[in-house]
PDB file of N, CA and C in Angstrom:
ATOM      1  N   LEU A   1       5.477   6.043  -6.850  1.00  0.00           N
ATOM      2  CA  LEU A   1       5.773   5.346  -5.707  1.00  0.00           C
ATOM      3  C   LEU A   1       7.237   5.121  -5.485  1.00  0.00           C
ATOM      4  N   THR A   2       7.845   4.792  -6.499  1.00  0.00           N
ATOM      5  CA  THR A   2       9.278   4.573  -6.469  1.00  0.00           C
ATOM      6  C   THR A   2      10.051   5.723  -5.916  1.00  0.00           C
ATOM      7  N   PRO A   3       9.901   6.999  -6.336  1.00  0.00           N
ATOM      8  CA  PRO A   3      10.623   8.098  -5.800  1.00  0.00           C
ATOM      9  C   PRO A   3      10.379   8.225  -4.247  1.00  0.00           C
ATOM     10  N   ALA A   4       9.089   7.947  -3.897  1.00  0.00           N
ATOM     11  CA  ALA A   4       8.812   8.128  -2.371  1.00  0.00           C
ATOM     12  C   ALA A   4       9.543   7.032  -1.561  1.00  0.00           C
ATOM     13  N   LEU A   5       9.605   5.860  -2.055  1.00  0.00           N
ATOM     14  CA  LEU A   5      10.384   4.807  -1.352  1.00  0.00           C
ATOM     15  C   LEU A   5      11.841   5.148  -1.313  1.00  0.00           C
ATOM     16  N   GLU A   6      12.385   5.590  -2.456  1.00  0.00           N
ATOM     17  CA  GLU A   6      13.765   6.019  -2.438  1.00  0.00           C
ATOM     18  C   GLU A   6      14.108   7.009  -1.425  1.00  0.00           C
ATOM     19  N   ASN A   7      13.223   8.034  -1.313  1.00  0.00           N
ATOM     20  CA  ASN A   7      13.386   9.135  -0.449  1.00  0.00           C
ATOM     21  C   ASN A   7      13.277   8.530   1.062  1.00  0.00           C
ATOM     22  N   PHE A   8      12.301   7.726   1.315  1.00  0.00           N
ATOM     23  CA  PHE A   8      12.226   7.114   2.600  1.00  0.00           C
ATOM     24  C   PHE A   8      13.415   6.296   2.991  1.00  0.00           C
ATOM     25  N   HIS A   9      13.892   5.471   2.116  1.00  0.00           N
ATOM     26  CA  HIS A   9      15.239   4.732   2.329  1.00  0.00           C
ATOM     27  C   HIS A   9      16.474   5.611   2.643  1.00  0.00           C
ATOM     28  N   LYS A  10      16.557   6.827   1.997  1.00  0.00           N
ATOM     29  CA  LYS A  10      17.564   7.645   2.182  1.00  0.00           C
ATOM     30  C   LYS A  10      17.501   8.226   3.620  1.00  0.00           C
ATOM     31  N   ASN A  11      16.347   8.513   4.129  1.00  0.00           N
ATOM     32  CA  ASN A  11      16.090   9.008   5.530  1.00  0.00           C
ATOM     33  C   ASN A  11      16.226   8.023   6.575  1.00  0.00           C
ATOM     34  N   TRP A  12      15.799   6.800   6.263  1.00  0.00           N
ATOM     35  CA  TRP A  12      15.678   5.770   7.296  1.00  0.00           C
ATOM     36  C   TRP A  12      16.368   4.421   6.695  1.00  0.00           C
ATOM     37  N   PRO A  13      17.607   4.474   6.456  1.00  0.00           N
ATOM     38  CA  PRO A  13      18.211   3.255   5.799  1.00  0.00           C
ATOM     39  C   PRO A  13      18.181   1.919   6.640  1.00  0.00           C
ATOM     40  N   GLN A  14      17.963   2.117   7.921  1.00  0.00           N
ATOM     41  CA  GLN A  14      17.877   0.860   8.859  1.00  0.00           C
ATOM     42  C   GLN A  14      16.621   0.232   8.690  1.00  0.00           C
ATOM     43  N   VAL A  15      15.557   0.782   8.121  1.00  0.00           N
ATOM     44  CA  VAL A  15      14.245   0.166   8.092  1.00  0.00           C
ATOM     45  C   VAL A  15      14.237  -0.853   6.883  1.00  0.00           C
ATOM     46  N   GLU A  16      13.757  -2.052   7.180  1.00  0.00           N
ATOM     47  CA  GLU A  16      13.805  -3.237   6.162  1.00  0.00           C
ATOM     48  C   GLU A  16      12.410  -3.109   5.515  1.00  0.00           C
ATOM     49  N   MET A  17      12.360  -3.099   4.166  1.00  0.00           N
ATOM     50  CA  MET A  17      11.080  -3.188   3.531  1.00  0.00           C
ATOM     51  C   MET A  17      10.983  -4.379   2.606  1.00  0.00           C
ATOM     52  N   ASP A  18       9.967  -5.126   2.869  1.00  0.00           N
ATOM     53  CA  ASP A  18       9.660  -6.300   2.207  1.00  0.00           C
ATOM     54  C   ASP A  18       8.273  -6.107   1.466  1.00  0.00           C
ATOM     55  N   PHE A  19       8.214  -6.579   0.111  1.00  0.00           N
ATOM     56  CA  PHE A  19       6.963  -6.287  -0.555  1.00  0.00           C
ATOM     57  C   PHE A  19       6.387  -7.686  -1.099  1.00  0.00           C
ATOM     58  N   LYS A  20       5.023  -7.764  -0.956  1.00  0.00           N
ATOM     59  CA  LYS A  20       4.313  -8.910  -1.552  1.00  0.00           C
ATOM     60  C   LYS A  20       3.224  -8.400  -2.272  1.00  0.00           C
ATOM     61  N   SER A  21       2.946  -9.025  -3.444  1.00  0.00           N
ATOM     62  CA  SER A  21       1.732  -8.696  -4.249  1.00  0.00           C
ATOM     63  C   SER A  21       1.223  -9.828  -4.884  1.00  0.00           C
ATOM     64  N   GLY A  22      -0.026  -9.646  -5.356  1.00  0.00           N
ATOM     65  CA  GLY A  22      -0.682 -10.755  -6.007  1.00  0.00           C
ATOM     66  C   GLY A  22      -2.100 -10.756  -5.651  1.00  0.00           C
ATOM     67  N   VAL A  23      -2.911 -11.555  -6.429  1.00  0.00           N
ATOM     68  CA  VAL A  23      -4.449 -11.624  -6.416  1.00  0.00           C
ATOM     69  C   VAL A  23      -4.764 -12.569  -5.224  1.00  0.00           C
ATOM     70  N   THR A  24      -3.899 -13.457  -4.713  1.00  0.00           N
ATOM     71  CA  THR A  24      -4.369 -14.416  -3.743  1.00  0.00           C
ATOM     72  C   THR A  24      -3.983 -14.054  -2.386  1.00  0.00           C
ATOM     73  N   PHE A  25      -3.272 -13.006  -2.206  1.00  0.00           N
ATOM     74  CA  PHE A  25      -2.754 -12.676  -0.859  1.00  0.00           C
ATOM     75  C   PHE A  25      -3.689 -11.604  -0.244  1.00  0.00           C
ATOM     76  N   ASP A  26      -4.305 -11.873   0.850  1.00  0.00           N
ATOM     77  CA  ASP A  26      -5.194 -11.018   1.533  1.00  0.00           C
ATOM     78  C   ASP A  26      -4.445 -10.211   2.700  1.00  0.00           C
ATOM     79  N   PRO A  27      -3.923  -9.075   2.586  1.00  0.00           N
ATOM     80  CA  PRO A  27      -3.051  -8.468   3.520  1.00  0.00           C
ATOM     81  C   PRO A  27      -3.724  -7.950   4.866  1.00  0.00           C
ATOM     82  N   GLN A  28      -4.906  -7.574   4.784  1.00  0.00           N
ATOM     83  CA  GLN A  28      -5.566  -6.876   5.826  1.00  0.00           C
ATOM     84  C   GLN A  28      -5.574  -7.783   7.168  1.00  0.00           C
ATOM     85  N   PRO A  29      -6.073  -9.171   7.036  1.00  0.00           N
ATOM     86  CA  PRO A  29      -5.880 -10.059   8.118  1.00  0.00           C
ATOM     87  C   PRO A  29      -4.500 -10.127   8.739  1.00  0.00           C
ATOM     88  N   ALA A  30      -3.533 -10.160   7.876  1.00  0.00           N
ATOM     89  CA  ALA A  30      -2.102 -10.266   8.373  1.00  0.00           C
ATOM     90  C   ALA A  30      -1.722  -9.049   9.115  1.00  0.00           C
ATOM     91  N   LEU A  31      -2.210  -7.853   8.726  1.00  0.00           N
ATOM     92  CA  LEU A  31      -1.918  -6.603   9.362  1.00  0.00           C
ATOM     93  C   LEU A  31      -2.613  -6.682  10.710  1.00  0.00           C
ATOM     94  N   GLN A  32      -3.835  -7.080  10.795  1.00  0.00           N
ATOM     95  CA  GLN A  32      -4.562  -7.060  12.107  1.00  0.00           C
ATOM     96  C   GLN A  32      -3.871  -8.126  13.018  1.00  0.00           C
ATOM     97  N   GLN A  33      -3.293  -9.147  12.579  1.00  0.00           N
ATOM     98  CA  GLN A  33      -2.612 -10.219  13.379  1.00  0.00           C
ATOM     99  C   GLN A  33      -1.158  -9.830  13.723  1.00  0.00           C
ATOM    100  N   GLY A  34      -0.715  -8.634  13.278  1.00  0.00           N
ATOM    101  CA  GLY A  34       0.564  -8.071  13.618  1.00  0.00           C
ATOM    102  C   GLY A  34       1.744  -8.665  12.707  1.00  0.00           C
ATOM    103  N   GLU A  35       1.367  -9.426  11.728  1.00  0.00           N
ATOM    104  CA  GLU A  35       2.379  -9.985  10.808  1.00  0.00           C
ATOM    105  C   GLU A  35       2.887  -9.038   9.851  1.00  0.00           C
ATOM    106  N   LEU A  36       2.204  -7.893   9.681  1.00  0.00           N
ATOM    107  CA  LEU A  36       2.692  -6.827   8.753  1.00  0.00           C
ATOM    108  C   LEU A  36       2.613  -5.485   9.534  1.00  0.00           C
ATOM    109  N   ASP A  37       3.342  -4.549   9.172  1.00  0.00           N
ATOM    110  CA  ASP A  37       3.304  -3.128   9.872  1.00  0.00           C
ATOM    111  C   ASP A  37       2.352  -2.131   9.010  1.00  0.00           C
ATOM    112  N   LEU A  38       2.329  -2.332   7.684  1.00  0.00           N
ATOM    113  CA  LEU A  38       1.491  -1.465   6.926  1.00  0.00           C
ATOM    114  C   LEU A  38       1.088  -2.208   5.723  1.00  0.00           C
ATOM    115  N   VAL A  39       0.022  -1.729   5.022  1.00  0.00           N
ATOM    116  CA  VAL A  39      -0.418  -2.352   3.736  1.00  0.00           C
ATOM    117  C   VAL A  39      -0.768  -1.098   2.839  1.00  0.00           C
ATOM    118  N   MET A  40      -0.403  -1.297   1.578  1.00  0.00           N
ATOM    119  CA  MET A  40      -0.801  -0.295   0.513  1.00  0.00           C
ATOM    120  C   MET A  40      -1.838  -1.153  -0.378  1.00  0.00           C
ATOM    121  N   THR A  41      -3.011  -0.757  -0.464  1.00  0.00           N
ATOM    122  CA  THR A  41      -3.947  -1.505  -1.216  1.00  0.00           C
ATOM    123  C   THR A  41      -5.066  -0.522  -1.880  1.00  0.00           C
ATOM    124  N   SER A  42      -5.577  -0.973  -2.939  1.00  0.00           N
ATOM    125  CA  SER A  42      -6.780  -0.338  -3.581  1.00  0.00           C
ATOM    126  C   SER A  42      -8.086  -1.012  -3.267  1.00  0.00           C
ATOM    127  N   ASP A  43      -7.885  -2.215  -2.459  1.00  0.00           N
ATOM    128  CA  ASP A  43      -8.986  -2.974  -1.977  1.00  0.00           C
ATOM    129  C   ASP A  43      -9.476  -2.444  -0.666  1.00  0.00           C
ATOM    130  N   ILE A  44     -10.386  -1.524  -0.625  1.00  0.00           N
ATOM    131  CA  ILE A  44     -10.825  -0.867   0.630  1.00  0.00           C
ATOM    132  C   ILE A  44     -12.064  -1.633   1.187  1.00  0.00           C
ATOM    133  N   LEU A  45     -11.847  -2.534   2.084  1.00  0.00           N
ATOM    134  CA  LEU A  45     -12.952  -3.255   2.743  1.00  0.00           C
ATOM    135  C   LEU A  45     -12.917  -2.882   4.141  1.00  0.00           C
ATOM    136  N   PRO A  46     -13.951  -2.099   4.611  1.00  0.00           N
ATOM    137  CA  PRO A  46     -13.882  -1.710   5.985  1.00  0.00           C
ATOM    138  C   PRO A  46     -13.824  -2.845   6.983  1.00  0.00           C
ATOM    139  N   ARG A  47     -12.831  -2.758   7.797  1.00  0.00           N
ATOM    140  CA  ARG A  47     -12.520  -3.775   8.885  1.00  0.00           C
ATOM    141  C   ARG A  47     -12.218  -3.116  10.184  1.00  0.00           C
ATOM    142  N   SER A  48     -12.790  -3.731  11.224  1.00  0.00           N
ATOM    143  CA  SER A  48     -12.595  -3.292  12.591  1.00  0.00           C
ATOM    144  C   SER A  48     -11.146  -3.185  12.990  1.00  0.00           C
ATOM    145  N   GLY A  49     -10.767  -1.995  13.468  1.00  0.00           N
ATOM    146  CA  GLY A  49      -9.418  -1.784  13.908  1.00  0.00           C
ATOM    147  C   GLY A  49      -8.393  -1.261  12.881  1.00  0.00           C
ATOM    148  N   LEU A  50      -8.904  -1.102  11.663  1.00  0.00           N
ATOM    149  CA  LEU A  50      -8.010  -0.615  10.575  1.00  0.00           C
ATOM    150  C   LEU A  50      -8.446   0.744  10.180  1.00  0.00           C
ATOM    151  N   HIS A  51      -7.462   1.620   9.854  1.00  0.00           N
ATOM    152  CA  HIS A  51      -7.729   3.017   9.384  1.00  0.00           C
ATOM    153  C   HIS A  51      -7.108   3.154   8.001  1.00  0.00           C
ATOM    154  N   TYR A  52      -8.065   3.590   7.098  1.00  0.00           N
ATOM    155  CA  TYR A  52      -7.446   3.756   5.679  1.00  0.00           C
ATOM    156  C   TYR A  52      -7.224   5.346   5.312  1.00  0.00           C
ATOM    157  N   SER A  53      -6.025   5.497   4.815  1.00  0.00           N
ATOM    158  CA  SER A  53      -5.674   6.917   4.430  1.00  0.00           C
ATOM    159  C   SER A  53      -5.442   6.969   3.036  1.00  0.00           C
ATOM    160  N   PRO A  54      -5.847   7.834   2.286  1.00  0.00           N
ATOM    161  CA  PRO A  54      -5.499   7.963   0.810  1.00  0.00           C
ATOM    162  C   PRO A  54      -3.991   8.350   0.648  1.00  0.00           C
ATOM    163  N   MET A  55      -3.378   7.857  -0.290  1.00  0.00           N
ATOM    164  CA  MET A  55      -1.960   8.106  -0.536  1.00  0.00           C
ATOM    165  C   MET A  55      -1.825   9.095  -1.693  1.00  0.00           C
ATOM    166  N   PHE A  56      -2.696   8.975  -2.612  1.00  0.00           N
ATOM    167  CA  PHE A  56      -2.479   9.811  -3.860  1.00  0.00           C
ATOM    168  C   PHE A  56      -3.811  10.561  -4.163  1.00  0.00           C
ATOM    169  N   ASP A  57      -3.718  11.637  -4.915  1.00  0.00           N
ATOM    170  CA  ASP A  57      -4.857  12.412  -5.310  1.00  0.00           C
ATOM    171  C   ASP A  57      -4.721  12.712  -6.718  1.00  0.00           C
ATOM    172  N   TYR A  58      -5.428  11.826  -7.546  1.00  0.00           N
ATOM    173  CA  TYR A  58      -5.295  11.970  -8.933  1.00  0.00           C
ATOM    174  C   TYR A  58      -6.582  11.314  -9.539  1.00  0.00           C
ATOM    175  N   GLU A  59      -6.817  11.804 -10.781  1.00  0.00           N
ATOM    176  CA  GLU A  59      -8.074  11.343 -11.455  1.00  0.00           C
ATOM    177  C   GLU A  59      -7.701  10.112 -12.348  1.00  0.00           C
ATOM    178  N   VAL A  60      -8.510   9.141 -12.341  1.00  0.00           N
ATOM    179  CA  VAL A  60      -8.296   8.035 -13.316  1.00  0.00           C
ATOM    180  C   VAL A  60      -8.932   8.413 -14.638  1.00  0.00           C
ATOM    181  N   ARG A  61      -8.128   8.244 -15.730  1.00  0.00           N
ATOM    182  CA  ARG A  61      -8.661   8.587 -17.004  1.00  0.00           C
ATOM    183  C   ARG A  61      -8.744   7.392 -17.942  1.00  0.00           C
ATOM    184  N   LEU A  62      -9.702   7.393 -18.850  1.00  0.00           N
ATOM    185  CA  LEU A  62      -9.853   6.345 -19.807  1.00  0.00           C
ATOM    186  C   LEU A  62      -9.443   6.895 -21.173  1.00  0.00           C
ATOM    187  N   VAL A  63      -8.467   6.337 -21.892  1.00  0.00           N
ATOM    188  CA  VAL A  63      -7.965   6.829 -23.147  1.00  0.00           C
ATOM    189  C   VAL A  63      -8.396   5.893 -24.197  1.00  0.00           C
ATOM    190  N   LEU A  64      -8.977   6.453 -25.251  1.00  0.00           N
ATOM    191  CA  LEU A  64      -9.637   5.680 -26.374  1.00  0.00           C
ATOM    192  C   LEU A  64      -9.083   6.177 -27.737  1.00  0.00           C
ATOM    193  N   ALA A  65      -8.860   5.346 -28.559  1.00  0.00           N
ATOM    194  CA  ALA A  65      -8.524   5.748 -29.930  1.00  0.00           C
ATOM    195  C   ALA A  65      -9.735   6.197 -30.707  1.00  0.00           C
ATOM    196  N   PRO A  66      -9.630   7.181 -31.580  1.00  0.00           N
ATOM    197  CA  PRO A  66     -10.918   7.724 -32.241  1.00  0.00           C
ATOM    198  C   PRO A  66     -11.462   6.502 -33.289  1.00  0.00           C
TER     199      PRO A  66
END
């Protein structure tokens, strides 16, 4: 994600990016109310008026010791 953000900032340096994270912040309602412009989340709960697009295509792997 960091390289993508760096590339974005090079192309659009005037765009301000603020990040919030945590387990108690629910960003989808804030997005619906216009408080946020976009949300990156793994918490996909269908909500009216929101469109979810996958950002990455990778397999999650479990690694165990023998």
